[in-house]
Structure formats: structure tokens, C-alpha cells
PDB file of N, CA and C in Angstrom:
ATOM      1  N   UNK A   1     -14.131  -8.358 -16.479  1.00  0.00           N
ATOM      2  CA  UNK A   1     -14.076  -6.924 -16.207  1.00  0.00           C
ATOM      3  C   UNK A   1     -14.879  -6.636 -14.931  1.00  0.00           C
ATOM      4  N   UNK A   2     -14.314  -5.782 -14.123  1.00  0.00           N
ATOM      5  CA  UNK A   2     -14.978  -5.360 -12.891  1.00  0.00           C
ATOM      6  C   UNK A   2     -15.258  -3.866 -12.952  1.00  0.00           C
ATOM      7  N   UNK A   3     -16.318  -3.448 -12.282  1.00  0.00           N
ATOM      8  CA  UNK A   3     -16.631  -2.015 -12.157  1.00  0.00           C
ATOM      9  C   UNK A   3     -15.917  -1.485 -10.914  1.00  0.00           C
ATOM     10  N   UNK A   4     -15.290  -0.322 -11.057  1.00  0.00           N
ATOM     11  CA  UNK A   4     -14.503   0.264  -9.969  1.00  0.00           C
ATOM     12  C   UNK A   4     -14.998   1.660  -9.620  1.00  0.00           C
ATOM     13  N   UNK A   5     -14.821   1.992  -8.352  1.00  0.00           N
ATOM     14  CA  UNK A   5     -15.184   3.301  -7.808  1.00  0.00           C
ATOM     15  C   UNK A   5     -14.029   3.828  -6.979  1.00  0.00           C
ATOM     16  N   UNK A   6     -13.956   5.152  -6.864  1.00  0.00           N
ATOM     17  CA  UNK A   6     -12.979   5.764  -5.960  1.00  0.00           C
ATOM     18  C   UNK A   6     -13.751   6.497  -4.868  1.00  0.00           C
ATOM     19  N   UNK A   7     -13.277   6.345  -3.654  1.00  0.00           N
ATOM     20  CA  UNK A   7     -13.874   7.006  -2.494  1.00  0.00           C
ATOM     21  C   UNK A   7     -13.516   8.488  -2.542  1.00  0.00           C
ATOM     22  N   UNK A   8     -14.504   9.351  -2.406  1.00  0.00           N
ATOM     23  CA  UNK A   8     -14.253  10.792  -2.465  1.00  0.00           C
ATOM     24  C   UNK A   8     -13.650  11.326  -1.171  1.00  0.00           C
ATOM     25  N   UNK A   9     -13.769  10.565  -0.097  1.00  0.00           N
ATOM     26  CA  UNK A   9     -13.177  10.943   1.186  1.00  0.00           C
ATOM     27  C   UNK A   9     -11.887  10.165   1.377  1.00  0.00           C
ATOM     28  N   UNK A  10     -10.971  10.712   2.140  1.00  0.00           N
ATOM     29  CA  UNK A  10      -9.695  10.031   2.360  1.00  0.00           C
ATOM     30  C   UNK A  10      -9.772   9.114   3.578  1.00  0.00           C
ATOM     31  N   UNK A  11      -8.900   8.110   3.566  1.00  0.00           N
ATOM     32  CA  UNK A  11      -8.790   7.212   4.715  1.00  0.00           C
ATOM     33  C   UNK A  11      -7.821   7.810   5.736  1.00  0.00           C
ATOM     34  N   UNK A  12      -7.492   7.049   6.760  1.00  0.00           N
ATOM     35  CA  UNK A  12      -6.617   7.541   7.837  1.00  0.00           C
ATOM     36  C   UNK A  12      -5.219   7.913   7.355  1.00  0.00           C
ATOM     37  N   UNK A  13      -4.783   7.323   6.226  1.00  0.00           N
ATOM     38  CA  UNK A  13      -3.467   7.620   5.661  1.00  0.00           C
ATOM     39  C   UNK A  13      -3.523   8.755   4.633  1.00  0.00           C
ATOM     40  N   UNK A  14      -4.708   9.308   4.394  1.00  0.00           N
ATOM     41  CA  UNK A  14      -4.853  10.394   3.446  1.00  0.00           C
ATOM     42  C   UNK A  14      -5.031   9.944   2.006  1.00  0.00           C
ATOM     43  N   UNK A  15      -5.382   8.667   1.810  1.00  0.00           N
ATOM     44  CA  UNK A  15      -5.560   8.123   0.459  1.00  0.00           C
ATOM     45  C   UNK A  15      -7.033   8.025   0.082  1.00  0.00           C
ATOM     46  N   UNK A  16      -7.286   8.124  -1.208  1.00  0.00           N
ATOM     47  CA  UNK A  16      -8.607   7.859  -1.777  1.00  0.00           C
ATOM     48  C   UNK A  16      -8.587   6.410  -2.255  1.00  0.00           C
ATOM     49  N   UNK A  17      -9.355   5.551  -1.605  1.00  0.00           N
ATOM     50  CA  UNK A  17      -9.317   4.130  -1.923  1.00  0.00           C
ATOM     51  C   UNK A  17     -10.155   3.793  -3.153  1.00  0.00           C
ATOM     52  N   UNK A  18      -9.628   2.880  -3.949  1.00  0.00           N
ATOM     53  CA  UNK A  18     -10.301   2.372  -5.143  1.00  0.00           C
ATOM     54  C   UNK A  18     -10.911   1.018  -4.794  1.00  0.00           C
ATOM     55  N   UNK A  19     -12.210   0.860  -5.088  1.00  0.00           N
ATOM     56  CA  UNK A  19     -12.958  -0.343  -4.730  1.00  0.00           C
ATOM     57  C   UNK A  19     -13.633  -0.963  -5.945  1.00  0.00           C
ATOM     58  N   UNK A  20     -13.755  -2.291  -5.925  1.00  0.00           N
ATOM     59  CA  UNK A  20     -14.619  -2.988  -6.874  1.00  0.00           C
ATOM     60  C   UNK A  20     -16.066  -2.784  -6.432  1.00  0.00           C
ATOM     61  N   UNK A  21     -16.983  -2.882  -7.378  1.00  0.00           N
ATOM     62  CA  UNK A  21     -18.399  -2.696  -7.053  1.00  0.00           C
ATOM     63  C   UNK A  21     -18.912  -3.759  -6.089  1.00  0.00           C
ATOM     64  N   UNK A  22     -18.241  -4.884  -5.996  1.00  0.00           N
ATOM     65  CA  UNK A  22     -18.670  -5.984  -5.127  1.00  0.00           C
ATOM     66  C   UNK A  22     -18.023  -5.958  -3.742  1.00  0.00           C
ATOM     67  N   UNK A  23     -17.233  -4.952  -3.466  1.00  0.00           N
ATOM     68  CA  UNK A  23     -16.493  -4.870  -2.197  1.00  0.00           C
ATOM     69  C   UNK A  23     -17.434  -4.640  -1.013  1.00  0.00           C
ATOM     70  N   UNK A  24     -17.181  -5.366   0.078  1.00  0.00           N
ATOM     71  CA  UNK A  24     -17.936  -5.168   1.315  1.00  0.00           C
ATOM     72  C   UNK A  24     -17.679  -3.790   1.919  1.00  0.00           C
ATOM     73  N   UNK A  25     -16.562  -3.175   1.567  1.00  0.00           N
ATOM     74  CA  UNK A  25     -16.174  -1.866   2.116  1.00  0.00           C
ATOM     75  C   UNK A  25     -16.502  -0.717   1.156  1.00  0.00           C
ATOM     76  N   UNK A  26     -17.290  -0.992   0.109  1.00  0.00           N
ATOM     77  CA  UNK A  26     -17.647   0.036  -0.879  1.00  0.00           C
ATOM     78  C   UNK A  26     -18.330   1.212  -0.173  1.00  0.00           C
ATOM     79  N   UNK A  27     -17.864   2.434  -0.427  1.00  0.00           N
ATOM     80  CA  UNK A  27     -18.473   3.602   0.217  1.00  0.00           C
ATOM     81  C   UNK A  27     -19.915   3.815  -0.247  1.00  0.00           C
ATOM     82  N   UNK A  28     -20.651   4.570   0.531  1.00  0.00           N
ATOM     83  CA  UNK A  28     -22.024   4.948   0.154  1.00  0.00           C
ATOM     84  C   UNK A  28     -21.990   5.675  -1.185  1.00  0.00           C
ATOM     85  N   UNK A  29     -23.089   5.611  -1.907  1.00  0.00           N
ATOM     86  CA  UNK A  29     -23.140   6.191  -3.257  1.00  0.00           C
ATOM     87  C   UNK A  29     -22.793   7.679  -3.274  1.00  0.00           C
ATOM     88  N   UNK A  30     -23.116   8.405  -2.226  1.00  0.00           N
ATOM     89  CA  UNK A  30     -22.811   9.842  -2.189  1.00  0.00           C
ATOM     90  C   UNK A  30     -21.331  10.118  -1.924  1.00  0.00           C
ATOM     91  N   UNK A  31     -20.567   9.073  -1.561  1.00  0.00           N
ATOM     92  CA  UNK A  31     -19.144   9.240  -1.255  1.00  0.00           C
ATOM     93  C   UNK A  31     -18.242   8.477  -2.215  1.00  0.00           C
ATOM     94  N   UNK A  32     -18.698   8.270  -3.434  1.00  0.00           N
ATOM     95  CA  UNK A  32     -17.881   7.558  -4.413  1.00  0.00           C
ATOM     96  C   UNK A  32     -18.136   8.087  -5.812  1.00  0.00           C
ATOM     97  N   UNK A  33     -17.133   7.873  -6.682  1.00  0.00           N
ATOM     98  CA  UNK A  33     -17.216   8.256  -8.093  1.00  0.00           C
ATOM     99  C   UNK A  33     -16.936   7.010  -8.918  1.00  0.00           C
ATOM    100  N   UNK A  34     -17.788   6.762  -9.882  1.00  0.00           N
ATOM    101  CA  UNK A  34     -17.607   5.626 -10.777  1.00  0.00           C
ATOM    102  C   UNK A  34     -16.425   5.888 -11.697  1.00  0.00           C
ATOM    103  N   UNK A  35     -15.513   4.933 -11.765  1.00  0.00           N
ATOM    104  CA  UNK A  35     -14.317   5.067 -12.605  1.00  0.00           C
ATOM    105  C   UNK A  35     -14.474   4.373 -13.950  1.00  0.00           C
ATOM    106  N   UNK A  36     -15.231   3.283 -13.987  1.00  0.00           N
ATOM    107  CA  UNK A  36     -15.411   2.530 -15.216  1.00  0.00           C
ATOM    108  C   UNK A  36     -15.160   1.053 -14.984  1.00  0.00           C
ATOM    109  N   UNK A  37     -15.154   0.305 -16.093  1.00  0.00           N
ATOM    110  CA  UNK A  37     -14.881  -1.134 -16.041  1.00  0.00           C
ATOM    111  C   UNK A  37     -13.442  -1.387 -16.470  1.00  0.00           C
ATOM    112  N   UNK A  38     -12.745  -2.177 -15.667  1.00  0.00           N
ATOM    113  CA  UNK A  38     -11.336  -2.461 -15.922  1.00  0.00           C
ATOM    114  C   UNK A  38     -11.067  -3.938 -15.675  1.00  0.00           C
ATOM    115  N   UNK A  39     -10.048  -4.456 -16.321  1.00  0.00           N
ATOM    116  CA  UNK A  39      -9.691  -5.859 -16.148  1.00  0.00           C
ATOM    117  C   UNK A  39      -8.792  -6.079 -14.937  1.00  0.00           C
ATOM    118  N   UNK A  40      -8.277  -4.991 -14.344  1.00  0.00           N
ATOM    119  CA  UNK A  40      -7.460  -5.125 -13.140  1.00  0.00           C
ATOM    120  C   UNK A  40      -7.468  -3.818 -12.349  1.00  0.00           C
ATOM    121  N   UNK A  41      -7.041  -3.916 -11.107  1.00  0.00           N
ATOM    122  CA  UNK A  41      -7.065  -2.738 -10.238  1.00  0.00           C
ATOM    123  C   UNK A  41      -6.018  -1.704 -10.631  1.00  0.00           C
ATOM    124  N   UNK A  42      -4.927  -2.134 -11.248  1.00  0.00           N
ATOM    125  CA  UNK A  42      -3.895  -1.183 -11.667  1.00  0.00           C
ATOM    126  C   UNK A  42      -4.473  -0.140 -12.625  1.00  0.00           C
ATOM    127  N   UNK A  43      -5.271  -0.590 -13.571  1.00  0.00           N
ATOM    128  CA  UNK A  43      -5.894   0.334 -14.527  1.00  0.00           C
ATOM    129  C   UNK A  43      -6.870   1.269 -13.811  1.00  0.00           C
ATOM    130  N   UNK A  44      -7.606   0.734 -12.848  1.00  0.00           N
ATOM    131  CA  UNK A  44      -8.554   1.553 -12.101  1.00  0.00           C
ATOM    132  C   UNK A  44      -7.845   2.621 -11.277  1.00  0.00           C
ATOM    133  N   UNK A  45      -6.729   2.259 -10.655  1.00  0.00           N
ATOM    134  CA  UNK A  45      -5.978   3.231  -9.856  1.00  0.00           C
ATOM    135  C   UNK A  45      -5.397   4.322 -10.755  1.00  0.00           C
ATOM    136  N   UNK A  46      -4.930   3.968 -11.935  1.00  0.00           N
ATOM    137  CA  UNK A  46      -4.438   4.972 -12.889  1.00  0.00           C
ATOM    138  C   UNK A  46      -5.545   5.972 -13.206  1.00  0.00           C
ATOM    139  N   UNK A  47      -6.745   5.459 -13.431  1.00  0.00           N
ATOM    140  CA  UNK A  47      -7.886   6.341 -13.720  1.00  0.00           C
ATOM    141  C   UNK A  47      -8.217   7.208 -12.510  1.00  0.00           C
ATOM    142  N   UNK A  48      -8.204   6.635 -11.327  1.00  0.00           N
ATOM    143  CA  UNK A  48      -8.508   7.382 -10.104  1.00  0.00           C
ATOM    144  C   UNK A  48      -7.493   8.499  -9.866  1.00  0.00           C
ATOM    145  N   UNK A  49      -6.234   8.249 -10.214  1.00  0.00           N
ATOM    146  CA  UNK A  49      -5.190   9.253 -10.001  1.00  0.00           C
ATOM    147  C   UNK A  49      -5.348  10.480 -10.894  1.00  0.00           C
ATOM    148  N   UNK A  50      -6.183  10.389 -11.916  1.00  0.00           N
ATOM    149  CA  UNK A  50      -6.499  11.567 -12.734  1.00  0.00           C
ATOM    150  C   UNK A  50      -7.321  12.561 -11.920  1.00  0.00           C
ATOM    151  N   UNK A  51      -8.044  12.072 -10.925  1.00  0.00           N
ATOM    152  CA  UNK A  51      -8.860  12.924 -10.049  1.00  0.00           C
ATOM    153  C   UNK A  51      -8.150  13.203  -8.733  1.00  0.00           C
ATOM    154  N   UNK A  52      -7.584  12.128  -8.165  1.00  0.00           N
ATOM    155  CA  UNK A  52      -6.931  12.210  -6.855  1.00  0.00           C
ATOM    156  C   UNK A  52      -5.563  11.555  -6.968  1.00  0.00           C
ATOM    157  N   UNK A  53      -4.513  12.348  -6.910  1.00  0.00           N
ATOM    158  CA  UNK A  53      -3.158  11.807  -7.088  1.00  0.00           C
ATOM    159  C   UNK A  53      -2.782  10.815  -5.985  1.00  0.00           C
ATOM    160  N   UNK A  54      -3.434  10.906  -4.853  1.00  0.00           N
ATOM    161  CA  UNK A  54      -3.141  10.022  -3.724  1.00  0.00           C
ATOM    162  C   UNK A  54      -4.130   8.855  -3.651  1.00  0.00           C
ATOM    163  N   UNK A  55      -4.455   8.259  -4.798  1.00  0.00           N
ATOM    164  CA  UNK A  55      -5.353   7.104  -4.845  1.00  0.00           C
ATOM    165  C   UNK A  55      -4.574   5.823  -4.581  1.00  0.00           C
ATOM    166  N   UNK A  56      -5.282   4.848  -4.019  1.00  0.00           N
ATOM    167  CA  UNK A  56      -4.668   3.606  -3.572  1.00  0.00           C
ATOM    168  C   UNK A  56      -5.723   2.507  -3.640  1.00  0.00           C
ATOM    169  N   UNK A  57      -5.321   1.289  -3.915  1.00  0.00           N
ATOM    170  CA  UNK A  57      -6.259   0.182  -3.944  1.00  0.00           C
ATOM    171  C   UNK A  57      -6.741  -0.201  -2.554  1.00  0.00           C
ATOM    172  N   UNK A  58      -7.981  -0.627  -2.474  1.00  0.00           N
ATOM    173  CA  UNK A  58      -8.557  -1.106  -1.222  1.00  0.00           C
ATOM    174  C   UNK A  58      -7.841  -2.382  -0.773  1.00  0.00           C
ATOM    175  N   UNK A  59      -7.535  -2.456   0.494  1.00  0.00           N
ATOM    176  CA  UNK A  59      -6.862  -3.638   1.054  1.00  0.00           C
ATOM    177  C   UNK A  59      -7.705  -4.899   0.851  1.00  0.00           C
ATOM    178  N   UNK A  60      -9.026  -4.781   0.915  1.00  0.00           N
ATOM    179  CA  UNK A  60      -9.922  -5.932   0.884  1.00  0.00           C
ATOM    180  C   UNK A  60     -10.247  -6.406  -0.520  1.00  0.00           C
ATOM    181  N   UNK A  61     -10.441  -5.518  -1.463  1.00  0.00           N
ATOM    182  CA  UNK A  61     -10.901  -5.939  -2.798  1.00  0.00           C
ATOM    183  C   UNK A  61      -9.882  -5.683  -3.902  1.00  0.00           C
ATOM    184  N   UNK A  62      -8.895  -4.852  -3.662  1.00  0.00           N
ATOM    185  CA  UNK A  62      -7.874  -4.515  -4.673  1.00  0.00           C
ATOM    186  C   UNK A  62      -6.494  -4.585  -4.043  1.00  0.00           C
ATOM    187  N   UNK A  63      -6.251  -5.678  -3.344  1.00  0.00           N
ATOM    188  CA  UNK A  63      -5.022  -5.826  -2.552  1.00  0.00           C
ATOM    189  C   UNK A  63      -3.757  -5.706  -3.403  1.00  0.00           C
ATOM    190  N   UNK A  64      -3.818  -6.135  -4.663  1.00  0.00           N
ATOM    191  CA  UNK A  64      -2.650  -6.016  -5.539  1.00  0.00           C
ATOM    192  C   UNK A  64      -2.225  -4.570  -5.739  1.00  0.00           C
ATOM    193  N   UNK A  65      -3.150  -3.646  -5.515  1.00  0.00           N
ATOM    194  CA  UNK A  65      -2.877  -2.220  -5.737  1.00  0.00           C
ATOM    195  C   UNK A  65      -2.795  -1.444  -4.424  1.00  0.00           C
ATOM    196  N   UNK A  66      -2.885  -2.133  -3.323  1.00  0.00           N
ATOM    197  CA  UNK A  66      -2.850  -1.483  -2.019  1.00  0.00           C
ATOM    198  C   UNK A  66      -1.403  -1.279  -1.575  1.00  0.00           C
ATOM    199  N   UNK A  67      -1.084  -0.072  -1.184  1.00  0.00           N
ATOM    200  CA  UNK A  67       0.230   0.225  -0.628  1.00  0.00           C
ATOM    201  C   UNK A  67       0.047   0.734   0.788  1.00  0.00           C
ATOM    202  N   UNK A  68       0.998   0.461   1.628  1.00  0.00           N
ATOM    203  CA  UNK A  68       0.884   0.877   3.032  1.00  0.00           C
ATOM    204  C   UNK A  68       1.587   2.164   3.276  1.00  0.00           C
TER     205      UNK A  68
END
């Protein structure tokens, strides 16, 4: 299980990126919301979409859930 966060700010494409707690690109604590522990990024993105419908997996740490 990994701990996941969603970025409260949008990226250049207008998405809120979902990151693992170990990601090198993890946003500062004031710019992220803890989503919980999940066994995969798909579950984390589903949770993030409850807050931000335009959530997307991070290219670096949640590539399976990243869409372009």
C-alpha cells in the first residue's frame, strides 16, 4: 500500500496530479491533500476525482494513471 496525495494546484494542462508520498515531484505540504493509502494509483485517482474531477496520475510516480 502506498500513501497518495493530490496537488491542490493545476498543472499546465489544467489537471490536479495524484502523487505517491515517495515521489520526487510531490508538492509542498501546503499545496497537497492526503487521499489515503491505496494498492494502486487507479484507486487514488478515483478518490481524488471526488474533490477535483480533472485529476490525473503523476507522470513520474503514477504513470499507469497518467493521461496526456
